[in-house]
C-alpha atoms as a PDB file:
ATOM      1  CA  MET A   1     175.246  32.085  84.573  1.00  0.00           C
ATOM      2  CA  GLY A   2     173.399  29.783  86.973  1.00  0.00           C
ATOM      3  CA  ALA A   3     174.050  26.083  87.350  1.00  0.00           C
ATOM      4  CA  LYS A   4     171.908  23.749  85.297  1.00  0.00           C
ATOM      5  CA  CYS A   5     170.626  20.279  86.037  1.00  0.00           C
ATOM      6  CA  SER A   6     169.630  17.827  83.328  1.00  0.00           C
ATOM      7  CA  ILE A   7     167.511  14.785  84.099  1.00  0.00           C
ATOM      8  CA  TRP A   8     166.684  12.060  81.650  1.00  0.00           C
ATOM      9  CA  CYS A   9     164.735   8.833  81.908  1.00  0.00           C
ATOM     10  CA  SER A  10     164.890   5.611  79.944  1.00  0.00           C
ATOM     11  CA  LYS A  11     163.248   2.367  81.080  1.00  0.00           C
ATOM     12  CA  GLY A  12     162.484   3.984  84.421  1.00  0.00           C
ATOM     13  CA  LYS A  13     166.105   4.875  85.174  1.00  0.00           C
ATOM     14  CA  GLN A  14     167.037   8.393  86.157  1.00  0.00           C
ATOM     15  CA  THR A  15     170.352  10.212  85.935  1.00  0.00           C
ATOM     16  CA  LYS A  16     171.313  13.649  87.229  1.00  0.00           C
ATOM     17  CA  VAL A  17     174.085  15.679  85.642  1.00  0.00           C
ATOM     18  CA  GLN A  18     175.205  18.758  87.564  1.00  0.00           C
ATOM     19  CA  ASN A  19     176.562  21.864  85.847  1.00  0.00           C
ATOM     20  CA  SER A  20     175.572  20.480  82.478  1.00  0.00           C
ATOM     21  CA  PRO A  21     173.644  22.205  79.702  1.00  0.00           C
ATOM     22  CA  GLU A  22     170.261  20.848  78.758  1.00  0.00           C
ATOM     23  CA  ARG A  23     170.558  17.821  76.499  1.00  0.00           C
ATOM     24  CA  GLU A  24     168.325  15.245  74.856  1.00  0.00           C
ATOM     25  CA  ILE A  25     168.978  11.502  75.011  1.00  0.00           C
ATOM     26  CA  ASP A  26     167.003   8.850  73.140  1.00  0.00           C
ATOM     27  CA  HIS A  27     168.106   5.393  74.260  1.00  0.00           C
ATOM     28  CA  ASP A  28     166.734   2.509  72.177  1.00  0.00           C
ATOM     29  CA  HIS A  29     163.801   4.708  71.155  1.00  0.00           C
ATOM     30  CA  HIS A  30     162.386   4.808  74.685  1.00  0.00           C
ATOM     31  CA  THR A  31     160.787   7.840  76.227  1.00  0.00           C
ATOM     32  CA  PHE A  32     163.134  10.376  77.716  1.00  0.00           C
ATOM     33  CA  TYR A  33     162.952  13.914  78.938  1.00  0.00           C
ATOM     34  CA  THR A  34     165.291  16.688  79.924  1.00  0.00           C
ATOM     35  CA  TRP A  35     164.804  19.164  82.697  1.00  0.00           C
ATOM     36  CA  GLN A  36     166.587  22.466  82.885  1.00  0.00           C
ATOM     37  CA  LYS A  37     166.430  24.972  85.697  1.00  0.00           C
ATOM     38  CA  GLU A  38     168.329  28.181  86.063  1.00  0.00           C
ATOM     39  CA  ALA A  39     169.556  28.541  89.640  1.00  0.00           C
ATOM     40  CA  GLY A  40     167.584  31.111  91.579  1.00  0.00           C
ATOM     41  CA  GLN A  41     164.735  31.141  89.070  1.00  0.00           C
ATOM     42  CA  SER A  42     161.497  29.203  88.745  1.00  0.00           C
ATOM     43  CA  ALA A  43     161.992  28.598  85.033  1.00  0.00           C
ATOM     44  CA  PHE A  44     161.752  24.965  83.980  1.00  0.00           C
ATOM     45  CA  ASN A  45     162.098  23.713  80.451  1.00  0.00           C
ATOM     46  CA  PHE A  46     160.907  20.204  79.696  1.00  0.00           C
ATOM     47  CA  VAL A  47     161.595  18.500  76.405  1.00  0.00           C
ATOM     48  CA  MET A  48     159.860  15.163  75.920  1.00  0.00           C
ATOM     49  CA  LYS A  49     160.099  12.781  72.989  1.00  0.00           C
ATOM     50  CA  ASN A  50     158.462   9.617  71.716  1.00  0.00           C
ATOM     51  CA  ILE A  51     155.393   9.780  73.967  1.00  0.00           C
ATOM     52  CA  HIS A  52     151.769   8.884  73.268  1.00  0.00           C
ATOM     53  CA  ASP A  53     150.282  10.263  76.497  1.00  0.00           C
ATOM     54  CA  LEU A  54     151.270  13.217  78.625  1.00  0.00           C
ATOM     55  CA  PRO A  55     152.974  11.872  81.790  1.00  0.00           C
ATOM     56  CA  THR A  56     150.937  12.676  84.881  1.00  0.00           C
ATOM     57  CA  PHE A  57     153.935  13.964  86.831  1.00  0.00           C
ATOM     58  CA  ILE A  58     154.178  16.952  84.496  1.00  0.00           C
ATOM     59  CA  LEU A  59     150.708  18.079  85.487  1.00  0.00           C
ATOM     60  CA  ASP A  60     151.921  18.358  89.084  1.00  0.00           C
ATOM     61  CA  MET A  61     154.889  20.536  88.118  1.00  0.00           C
ATOM     62  CA  THR A  62     153.010  23.775  88.570  1.00  0.00           C
ATOM     63  CA  GLU A  63     156.201  25.857  88.337  1.00  0.00           C
ATOM     64  CA  VAL A  64     156.815  24.886  84.716  1.00  0.00           C
ATOM     65  CA  THR A  65     156.961  27.932  82.453  1.00  0.00           C
ATOM     66  CA  LYS A  66     158.121  26.334  79.193  1.00  0.00           C
ATOM     67  CA  LEU A  67     156.886  22.983  77.940  1.00  0.00           C
ATOM     68  CA  ASN A  68     158.074  21.455  74.681  1.00  0.00           C
ATOM     69  CA  LEU A  69     156.087  18.403  73.577  1.00  0.00           C
ATOM     70  CA  SER A  70     156.748  18.788  69.868  1.00  0.00           C
ATOM     71  CA  HIS A  71     157.165  15.857  67.479  1.00  0.00           C
ATOM     72  CA  ASN A  72     155.608  13.179  69.624  1.00  0.00           C
ATOM     73  CA  ARG A  73     152.523  11.038  69.056  1.00  0.00           C
ATOM     74  CA  LEU A  74     150.039  12.858  71.251  1.00  0.00           C
ATOM     75  CA  GLU A  75     146.412  12.725  70.122  1.00  0.00           C
ATOM     76  CA  ARG A  76     144.790  14.539  73.028  1.00  0.00           C
ATOM     77  CA  LEU A  77     145.761  16.557  76.069  1.00  0.00           C
ATOM     78  CA  PRO A  78     144.113  16.018  79.469  1.00  0.00           C
ATOM     79  CA  PRO A  79     141.917  18.716  81.045  1.00  0.00           C
ATOM     80  CA  ALA A  80     144.458  18.847  83.881  1.00  0.00           C
ATOM     81  CA  LEU A  81     146.691  20.813  81.504  1.00  0.00           C
ATOM     82  CA  GLY A  82     144.874  23.829  82.910  1.00  0.00           C
ATOM     83  CA  LYS A  83     146.757  23.368  86.199  1.00  0.00           C
ATOM     84  CA  LEU A  84     149.975  24.655  84.630  1.00  0.00           C
ATOM     85  CA  LYS A  85     149.081  28.267  85.254  1.00  0.00           C
ATOM     86  CA  HIS A  86     152.649  29.579  84.974  1.00  0.00           C
ATOM     87  CA  ILE A  87     153.170  28.305  81.426  1.00  0.00           C
ATOM     88  CA  THR A  88     154.347  31.053  79.060  1.00  0.00           C
ATOM     89  CA  VAL A  89     155.549  28.903  76.138  1.00  0.00           C
ATOM     90  CA  LEU A  90     153.796  25.714  74.991  1.00  0.00           C
ATOM     91  CA  ASN A  91     154.994  23.810  71.931  1.00  0.00           C
ATOM     92  CA  LEU A  92     152.675  21.052  70.671  1.00  0.00           C
ATOM     93  CA  SER A  93     153.752  21.047  67.037  1.00  0.00           C
ATOM     94  CA  GLY A  94     154.224  17.857  65.054  1.00  0.00           C
ATOM     95  CA  ASN A  95     151.846  15.601  66.962  1.00  0.00           C
ATOM     96  CA  GLN A  96     148.548  13.915  66.082  1.00  0.00           C
ATOM     97  CA  ILE A  97     146.316  16.153  68.190  1.00  0.00           C
ATOM     98  CA  VAL A  98     142.685  16.195  67.048  1.00  0.00           C
ATOM     99  CA  SER A  99     141.379  18.632  69.671  1.00  0.00           C
ATOM    100  CA  LEU A 100     142.552  20.929  72.441  1.00  0.00           C
ATOM    101  CA  PRO A 101     140.912  20.798  75.884  1.00  0.00           C
ATOM    102  CA  ASN A 102     138.704  23.711  76.901  1.00  0.00           C
ATOM    103  CA  GLU A 103     140.910  24.054  79.968  1.00  0.00           C
ATOM    104  CA  ILE A 104     143.661  25.533  77.809  1.00  0.00           C
ATOM    105  CA  GLY A 105     141.842  28.795  78.450  1.00  0.00           C
ATOM    106  CA  LEU A 106     143.057  28.638  82.066  1.00  0.00           C
ATOM    107  CA  LEU A 107     146.642  29.235  80.939  1.00  0.00           C
ATOM    108  CA  ARG A 108     146.331  32.981  81.437  1.00  0.00           C
ATOM    109  CA  ASN A 109     150.105  33.588  81.323  1.00  0.00           C
ATOM    110  CA  LEU A 110     150.535  31.885  77.956  1.00  0.00           C
ATOM    111  CA  ARG A 111     152.433  34.076  75.496  1.00  0.00           C
ATOM    112  CA  VAL A 112     153.585  31.616  72.815  1.00  0.00           C
ATOM    113  CA  LEU A 113     151.585  28.640  71.520  1.00  0.00           C
ATOM    114  CA  PHE A 114     152.635  26.320  68.694  1.00  0.00           C
ATOM    115  CA  VAL A 115     150.075  23.738  67.552  1.00  0.00           C
ATOM    116  CA  ASN A 116     151.190  23.503  63.940  1.00  0.00           C
ATOM    117  CA  MET A 117     151.325  20.167  62.099  1.00  0.00           C
ATOM    118  CA  ASN A 118     148.460  18.430  63.868  1.00  0.00           C
ATOM    119  CA  TYR A 119     144.937  17.278  62.943  1.00  0.00           C
ATOM    120  CA  LEU A 120     142.814  20.100  64.362  1.00  0.00           C
ATOM    121  CA  ASP A 121     139.579  20.905  62.549  1.00  0.00           C
ATOM    122  CA  GLU A 122     138.246  23.216  65.251  1.00  0.00           C
ATOM    123  CA  LEU A 123     139.526  25.153  68.234  1.00  0.00           C
ATOM    124  CA  PRO A 124     138.069  25.791  71.705  1.00  0.00           C
ATOM    125  CA  GLU A 125     136.512  29.193  72.327  1.00  0.00           C
ATOM    126  CA  GLU A 126     138.254  29.222  75.688  1.00  0.00           C
ATOM    127  CA  LEU A 127     141.629  29.899  74.072  1.00  0.00           C
ATOM    128  CA  GLY A 128     140.345  33.436  73.615  1.00  0.00           C
ATOM    129  CA  SER A 129     140.799  33.870  77.379  1.00  0.00           C
ATOM    130  CA  CYS A 130     144.584  33.612  76.999  1.00  0.00           C
ATOM    131  CA  LYS A 131     144.806  37.351  76.514  1.00  0.00           C
ATOM    132  CA  LYS A 132     148.581  37.549  76.944  1.00  0.00           C
ATOM    133  CA  LEU A 133     149.173  35.520  73.779  1.00  0.00           C
ATOM    134  CA  GLU A 134     151.663  37.179  71.436  1.00  0.00           C
ATOM    135  CA  VAL A 135     152.528  34.300  69.080  1.00  0.00           C
ATOM    136  CA  LEU A 136     150.049  31.702  67.800  1.00  0.00           C
ATOM    137  CA  SER A 137     151.020  29.131  65.169  1.00  0.00           C
ATOM    138  CA  LEU A 138     148.245  26.894  63.819  1.00  0.00           C
ATOM    139  CA  SER A 139     149.662  26.040  60.414  1.00  0.00           C
ATOM    140  CA  HIS A 140     149.259  22.635  58.748  1.00  0.00           C
ATOM    141  CA  ASN A 141     145.950  21.668  60.326  1.00  0.00           C
ATOM    142  CA  CYS A 142     142.407  21.307  58.952  1.00  0.00           C
ATOM    143  CA  LEU A 143     140.873  24.548  60.235  1.00  0.00           C
ATOM    144  CA  SER A 144     138.102  26.283  58.303  1.00  0.00           C
ATOM    145  CA  ALA A 145     137.175  28.903  60.928  1.00  0.00           C
ATOM    146  CA  LEU A 146     138.199  30.529  64.209  1.00  0.00           C
ATOM    147  CA  PRO A 147     135.959  31.153  67.238  1.00  0.00           C
ATOM    148  CA  SER A 148     134.720  34.731  67.528  1.00  0.00           C
ATOM    149  CA  SER A 149     136.163  34.878  71.056  1.00  0.00           C
ATOM    150  CA  TYR A 150     139.636  35.152  69.531  1.00  0.00           C
ATOM    151  CA  SER A 151     138.890  38.816  68.886  1.00  0.00           C
ATOM    152  CA  ASP A 152     139.963  39.254  72.536  1.00  0.00           C
ATOM    153  CA  LEU A 153     143.548  38.303  71.642  1.00  0.00           C
ATOM    154  CA  THR A 154     144.445  41.933  71.146  1.00  0.00           C
ATOM    155  CA  LEU A 155     148.105  41.511  72.184  1.00  0.00           C
ATOM    156  CA  LEU A 156     148.732  38.925  69.473  1.00  0.00           C
ATOM    157  CA  LYS A 157     151.591  39.971  67.190  1.00  0.00           C
ATOM    158  CA  LYS A 158     152.210  36.898  65.052  1.00  0.00           C
ATOM    159  CA  LEU A 159     149.540  34.562  63.676  1.00  0.00           C
ATOM    160  CA  ASN A 160     150.241  31.660  61.328  1.00  0.00           C
ATOM    161  CA  LEU A 161     147.233  29.926  59.755  1.00  0.00           C
ATOM    162  CA  SER A 162     148.920  28.691  56.613  1.00  0.00           C
ATOM    163  CA  ASN A 163     148.099  25.297  55.113  1.00  0.00           C
ATOM    164  CA  ASN A 164     144.582  24.983  56.475  1.00  0.00           C
ATOM    165  CA  LYS A 165     141.122  24.965  54.858  1.00  0.00           C
ATOM    166  CA  LEU A 166     140.092  28.597  55.207  1.00  0.00           C
ATOM    167  CA  THR A 167     137.885  30.037  52.457  1.00  0.00           C
ATOM    168  CA  TYR A 168     137.789  33.496  54.053  1.00  0.00           C
ATOM    169  CA  ILE A 169     139.702  35.468  56.658  1.00  0.00           C
ATOM    170  CA  PRO A 170     137.918  35.014  60.009  1.00  0.00           C
ATOM    171  CA  SER A 171     136.493  38.341  61.162  1.00  0.00           C
ATOM    172  CA  CYS A 172     138.033  38.008  64.622  1.00  0.00           C
ATOM    173  CA  ILE A 173     141.469  38.495  63.050  1.00  0.00           C
ATOM    174  CA  PHE A 174     140.620  42.085  62.164  1.00  0.00           C
ATOM    175  CA  GLN A 175     140.269  42.838  65.890  1.00  0.00           C
ATOM    176  CA  MET A 176     143.823  41.708  66.608  1.00  0.00           C
ATOM    177  CA  LYS A 177     145.054  45.265  66.297  1.00  0.00           C
ATOM    178  CA  ASN A 178     148.686  44.544  67.235  1.00  0.00           C
ATOM    179  CA  LEU A 179     149.346  41.955  64.544  1.00  0.00           C
ATOM    180  CA  ASP A 180     152.553  42.616  62.629  1.00  0.00           C
ATOM    181  CA  PHE A 181     152.782  39.154  60.996  1.00  0.00           C
ATOM    182  CA  LEU A 182     149.881  37.295  59.373  1.00  0.00           C
ATOM    183  CA  HIS A 183     150.456  34.127  57.323  1.00  0.00           C
ATOM    184  CA  LEU A 184     147.425  32.759  55.471  1.00  0.00           C
ATOM    185  CA  GLY A 185     149.232  31.026  52.637  1.00  0.00           C
ATOM    186  CA  SER A 186     148.053  27.746  51.094  1.00  0.00           C
ATOM    187  CA  ASN A 187     144.391  27.966  52.001  1.00  0.00           C
ATOM    188  CA  GLN A 188     141.327  28.420  49.783  1.00  0.00           C
ATOM    189  CA  ILE A 189     140.692  32.108  50.502  1.00  0.00           C
ATOM    190  CA  GLU A 190     138.696  33.833  47.762  1.00  0.00           C
ATOM    191  CA  THR A 191     138.448  37.394  49.102  1.00  0.00           C
ATOM    192  CA  ILE A 192     140.126  39.752  51.545  1.00  0.00           C
ATOM    193  CA  ALA A 193     137.589  41.855  53.424  1.00  0.00           C
ATOM    194  CA  ASP A 194     137.878  45.646  53.478  1.00  0.00           C
ATOM    195  CA  SER A 195     138.412  45.319  57.238  1.00  0.00           C
ATOM    196  CA  ILE A 196     142.026  44.376  56.531  1.00  0.00           C
ATOM    197  CA  GLN A 197     142.723  48.105  56.900  1.00  0.00           C
ATOM    198  CA  LEU A 198     142.196  47.761  60.672  1.00  0.00           C
ATOM    199  CA  LEU A 199     145.506  45.894  60.992  1.00  0.00           C
ATOM    200  CA  GLU A 200     147.530  49.069  60.777  1.00  0.00           C
ATOM    201  CA  HIS A 201     150.650  47.579  62.398  1.00  0.00           C
ATOM    202  CA  LEU A 202     150.909  44.748  59.881  1.00  0.00           C
ATOM    203  CA  LYS A 203     154.409  44.428  58.413  1.00  0.00           C
ATOM    204  CA  ILE A 204     154.175  40.996  56.811  1.00  0.00           C
ATOM    205  CA  LEU A 205     151.071  39.687  55.051  1.00  0.00           C
ATOM    206  CA  VAL A 206     151.294  36.358  53.236  1.00  0.00           C
ATOM    207  CA  VAL A 207     148.269  35.148  51.261  1.00  0.00           C
ATOM    208  CA  ASP A 208     150.034  33.187  48.547  1.00  0.00           C
ATOM    209  CA  ASN A 209     148.625  30.026  46.972  1.00  0.00           C
ATOM    210  CA  ASN A 210     144.960  30.872  47.515  1.00  0.00           C
ATOM    211  CA  SER A 211     142.038  31.698  45.215  1.00  0.00           C
ATOM    212  CA  LEU A 212     142.103  35.504  45.287  1.00  0.00           C
ATOM    213  CA  HIS A 213     140.741  37.288  42.222  1.00  0.00           C
ATOM    214  CA  VAL A 214     141.104  40.834  43.498  1.00  0.00           C
ATOM    215  CA  LEU A 215     142.838  42.823  46.230  1.00  0.00           C
ATOM    216  CA  PRO A 216     140.698  45.304  48.164  1.00  0.00           C
ATOM    217  CA  LYS A 217     141.549  48.980  47.824  1.00  0.00           C
ATOM    218  CA  THR A 218     141.802  49.185  51.621  1.00  0.00           C
ATOM    219  CA  ILE A 219     144.920  47.027  51.585  1.00  0.00           C
ATOM    220  CA  CYS A 220     146.696  50.106  50.248  1.00  0.00           C
ATOM    221  CA  SER A 221     146.245  51.832  53.619  1.00  0.00           C
ATOM    222  CA  LEU A 222     148.534  49.359  55.401  1.00  0.00           C
ATOM    223  CA  ALA A 223     151.411  51.816  55.496  1.00  0.00           C
ATOM    224  CA  SER A 224     153.650  49.557  57.609  1.00  0.00           C
ATOM    225  CA  LEU A 225     153.652  46.676  55.106  1.00  0.00           C
ATOM    226  CA  GLU A 226     157.167  45.540  54.214  1.00  0.00           C
ATOM    227  CA  LEU A 227     156.212  42.209  52.662  1.00  0.00           C
ATOM    228  CA  LEU A 228     153.025  41.470  50.734  1.00  0.00           C
ATOM    229  CA  ASN A 229     152.910  38.009  49.194  1.00  0.00           C
ATOM    230  CA  VAL A 230     150.007  37.199  46.879  1.00  0.00           C
ATOM    231  CA  ASP A 231     151.899  34.835  44.566  1.00  0.00           C
ATOM    232  CA  TYR A 232     149.973  31.956  42.979  1.00  0.00           C
ATOM    233  CA  ASN A 233     146.476  33.428  42.997  1.00  0.00           C
ATOM    234  CA  CYS A 234     144.007  34.444  40.284  1.00  0.00           C
ATOM    235  CA  ILE A 235     144.537  38.211  40.469  1.00  0.00           C
ATOM    236  CA  GLN A 236     143.960  40.042  37.179  1.00  0.00           C
ATOM    237  CA  LYS A 237     144.086  43.647  38.363  1.00  0.00           C
ATOM    238  CA  LEU A 238     146.034  45.488  41.048  1.00  0.00           C
ATOM    239  CA  PRO A 239     144.457  48.345  43.025  1.00  0.00           C
ATOM    240  CA  ASP A 240     145.579  51.724  41.677  1.00  0.00           C
ATOM    241  CA  ASP A 241     146.624  52.973  45.121  1.00  0.00           C
ATOM    242  CA  LEU A 242     149.099  50.160  45.651  1.00  0.00           C
ATOM    243  CA  TYR A 243     151.925  52.648  45.051  1.00  0.00           C
ATOM    244  CA  LYS A 244     151.157  54.130  48.485  1.00  0.00           C
ATOM    245  CA  LEU A 245     152.767  51.094  50.116  1.00  0.00           C
ATOM    246  CA  ILE A 246     156.140  52.794  50.118  1.00  0.00           C
ATOM    247  CA  ARG A 247     157.789  50.279  52.467  1.00  0.00           C
ATOM    248  CA  LEU A 248     157.593  47.611  49.778  1.00  0.00           C
ATOM    249  CA  SER A 249     161.107  47.782  48.397  1.00  0.00           C
ATOM    250  CA  ARG A 250     161.043  45.554  45.304  1.00  0.00           C
ATOM    251  CA  ILE A 251     159.252  42.989  43.222  1.00  0.00           C
ATOM    252  CA  ALA A 252     160.379  39.961  45.184  1.00  0.00           C
ATOM    253  CA  CYS A 253     160.924  36.397  44.016  1.00  0.00           C
ATOM    254  CA  ASN A 254     162.535  34.693  46.983  1.00  0.00           C
ATOM    255  CA  PRO A 255     159.807  33.845  49.541  1.00  0.00           C
ATOM    256  CA  MET A 256     161.987  35.213  52.348  1.00  0.00           C
ATOM    257  CA  ASP A 257     162.601  38.588  50.683  1.00  0.00           C
ATOM    258  CA  LYS A 258     160.726  41.693  51.701  1.00  0.00           C
ATOM    259  CA  GLY A 259     158.785  43.440  48.985  1.00  0.00           C
ATOM    260  CA  LEU A 260     155.822  42.723  46.720  1.00  0.00           C
ATOM    261  CA  HIS A 261     155.305  39.116  45.668  1.00  0.00           C
ATOM    262  CA  ILE A 262     152.878  39.206  42.743  1.00  0.00           C
ATOM    263  CA  LEU A 263     154.245  36.553  40.397  1.00  0.00           C
ATOM    264  CA  ASN A 264     152.201  33.699  38.957  1.00  0.00           C
ATOM    265  CA  ASN A 265     148.973  35.673  38.639  1.00  0.00           C
ATOM    266  CA  PRO A 266     147.059  36.222  35.350  1.00  0.00           C
ATOM    267  CA  LEU A 267     147.565  40.003  35.445  1.00  0.00           C
ATOM    268  CA  THR A 268     145.972  42.105  32.719  1.00  0.00           C
ATOM    269  CA  LYS A 269     146.074  45.507  34.464  1.00  0.00           C
ATOM    270  CA  PRO A 270     148.781  46.593  34.745  1.00  0.00           C
ATOM    271  CA  LEU A 271     150.346  44.604  31.961  1.00  0.00           C
ATOM    272  CA  PRO A 272     152.840  41.934  33.043  1.00  0.00           C
ATOM    273  CA  ALA A 273     155.584  43.984  31.369  1.00  0.00           C
ATOM    274  CA  MET A 274     155.076  46.690  33.987  1.00  0.00           C
ATOM    275  CA  VAL A 275     155.635  44.165  36.749  1.00  0.00           C
ATOM    276  CA  GLU A 276     158.677  42.746  35.026  1.00  0.00           C
ATOM    277  CA  GLY A 277     160.106  46.265  34.844  1.00  0.00           C
ATOM    278  CA  GLY A 278     160.407  46.385  38.613  1.00  0.00           C
ATOM    279  CA  LEU A 279     158.607  48.072  41.462  1.00  0.00           C
ATOM    280  CA  ASN A 280     159.514  51.645  40.506  1.00  0.00           C
ATOM    281  CA  MET A 281     158.028  51.245  37.042  1.00  0.00           C
ATOM    282  CA  LEU A 282     154.937  49.536  38.431  1.00  0.00           C
ATOM    283  CA  PHE A 283     154.297  52.157  41.099  1.00  0.00           C
ATOM    284  CA  ALA A 284     154.943  55.021  38.663  1.00  0.00           C
ATOM    285  CA  TYR A 285     152.380  53.523  36.302  1.00  0.00           C
ATOM    286  CA  LEU A 286     149.778  53.134  39.055  1.00  0.00           C
ATOM    287  CA  GLU A 287     150.339  56.637  40.424  1.00  0.00           C
ATOM    288  CA  ASP A 288     150.096  58.167  36.964  1.00  0.00           C
ATOM    289  CA  LYS A 289     146.921  56.218  36.289  1.00  0.00           C
ATOM    290  CA  THR A 290     145.399  57.461  39.548  1.00  0.00           C
ATOM    291  CA  GLN A 291     146.139  61.094  38.674  1.00  0.00           C
ATOM    292  CA  GLN A 292     144.631  60.689  35.219  1.00  0.00           C
ATOM    293  CA  ASP A 293     141.464  59.199  36.657  1.00  0.00           C
END
């Protein structure tokens, strides 16, 4: 394992610690940062805390590949962020960011982006140019839509849009053909479009705590689904073909469990007793009903 060097600053002082793992130091609540570099590699990992503005020296560190600015007090990021062309992981969660610069679209090597727990009510179209993105977390913001350009994010595997202000699933999501995780919980979504069937690699779909009244029949074609969470909605009837989702292993209660989460809905068909009897009873009922029809 290569040698590591940690650097931290407080009140303008700087200390170097050789052969030391990365560490964080907060002295009298002043700004500090750590810097970690694996010997022989151009991989830098900055962790900064308690900052209101992005320090200008970071924008000159063009070799940086991982930048963690989470849980600070940032409101905006400068356009010069686009200079960090080697960035693969950018963590901006837990700030006070109201908008992202258009220049974020210049980060063409970006694979992981966390902007959860901020104050975003819209996103730049240019982010759709970050076509290597695989993980995008935008939860706990104020978003009601996504730019259509995000349909170009075809390598995206995990998308978290929970706790926003969505009333529908943005159509660009249905073009993200490699998604295996989609979290839309705690929004105001009223319908799921038939196009959901295009996400054939989806393993986890969470749409709990919304305003759904019905599930589309096409959701039953998502053969890879291992977790479907539609708890706390207004669903009265389940699609008859739901039994085809054979990877759902149980009626689940724990939010972390795989299976079908259907509790806290005003179900009338099938009767709640069928659901309470477990997944096998529910699926047998639905399959039998389909054959009779």
